[in-house]
């Protein structure tokens, strides 16, 4: 160094500084490239606002976005990935049911109202009580169809004026889970009125379609993301049905409520539905967990197509929802009785939807009379 000319020393310093700058630039670029190539971790709570990229990371988010474009503005459907255990979330253990004041009131007067044919008149008289929960369930339905989720329903304890309440104890896979053993109160729409959205039937109220499900308060996953199995008896097709479709609605509503779909089993005996036309309507992300039978389900306990027999043999999930609407009382009512009498089934099924075609004046134009209907609303 001492033997170099001053000009040579300056040139060498500049060259060393330039080499150092180039090296720093290359290191920074490689680090940035590595960061962008790492996939974002899967969100544990698809309903949370802090989950911007969808319920299962960037790749799933893109797939769901494509599906959303294909199905107009419907919410993304969260399908459980194979790495998500079928019973990885917390399961509910039923503790008790608390009927609301409105429900107990209707239980005491429904027979007289039915006999006089004044059910809709009484709903109109109690319009404010019915609107207080219909407003919430309608808003929540709209939010879930957009992939969002509203705040939990606040209920009074021990007896709410309008909302009935299910009480559960949470059982989680790991006793160290902070949710393990936690008691949960979940509001449910009261058994009051005509047991369906009265706005589709009663002429005094703001009109809605007869197939409206906007009075249903669906369950949400508790203690984080949970798996769900849906059994749909009278499934029609994916996004079409008489009155309304159930498959797309149930999967979207439950996905927005924090569930991932681990299995969907449908029965539909409509001879006009072909397998080819049926399958092409199902979103591709749902197909791996989907099975459908284009035959009637059976009420015989010895028949392999008895849905309860099938459900008992299916892999366990955190939550099970069953919908029964096949417009055949001779099959529906025995299935309901089997559910009520079987303690194993009562442990398996967490949420049950049943359109019981009873004989009463306000629904006669849609349901007809016996033998198409069975029993009374009361």
Foldseek 3Di string as FASTA:
>chain_A
DVPDDPVVVVVVVVVVVVVVVVVVVVVVVVVVVVVVVDWDQADQFQQDPVRVQGRGTVVLSVLQVVVCVVVPQFHGFFADDPVQDQAQFKFWDFDDKFAAQQQVVQVVCVVVCQVVQCLLVVCVVVVVLLCVQLVVLLVQLVQLRNLHGDDADDADPPHGNFWMWTKTFIPHPDPVQPSHRPIDIHTWGHLGRLNAPCLCFRPVHPHDFVLDRSNTDDDAGPSTAWEEEEEEQAQDAQFDDVRGGDNSSVRSNHRSRRYHYQAYEYEAQPPVDDPVVRVVVDRPVCVVRYDYHNRHAALDPPDPSPVVVVLVVDDATSAYEYEHDPLQCVRVVSNVVVCVVDPVNVRRHDYYHYDQFADGDRCCVPQNHPPSHDHHSD
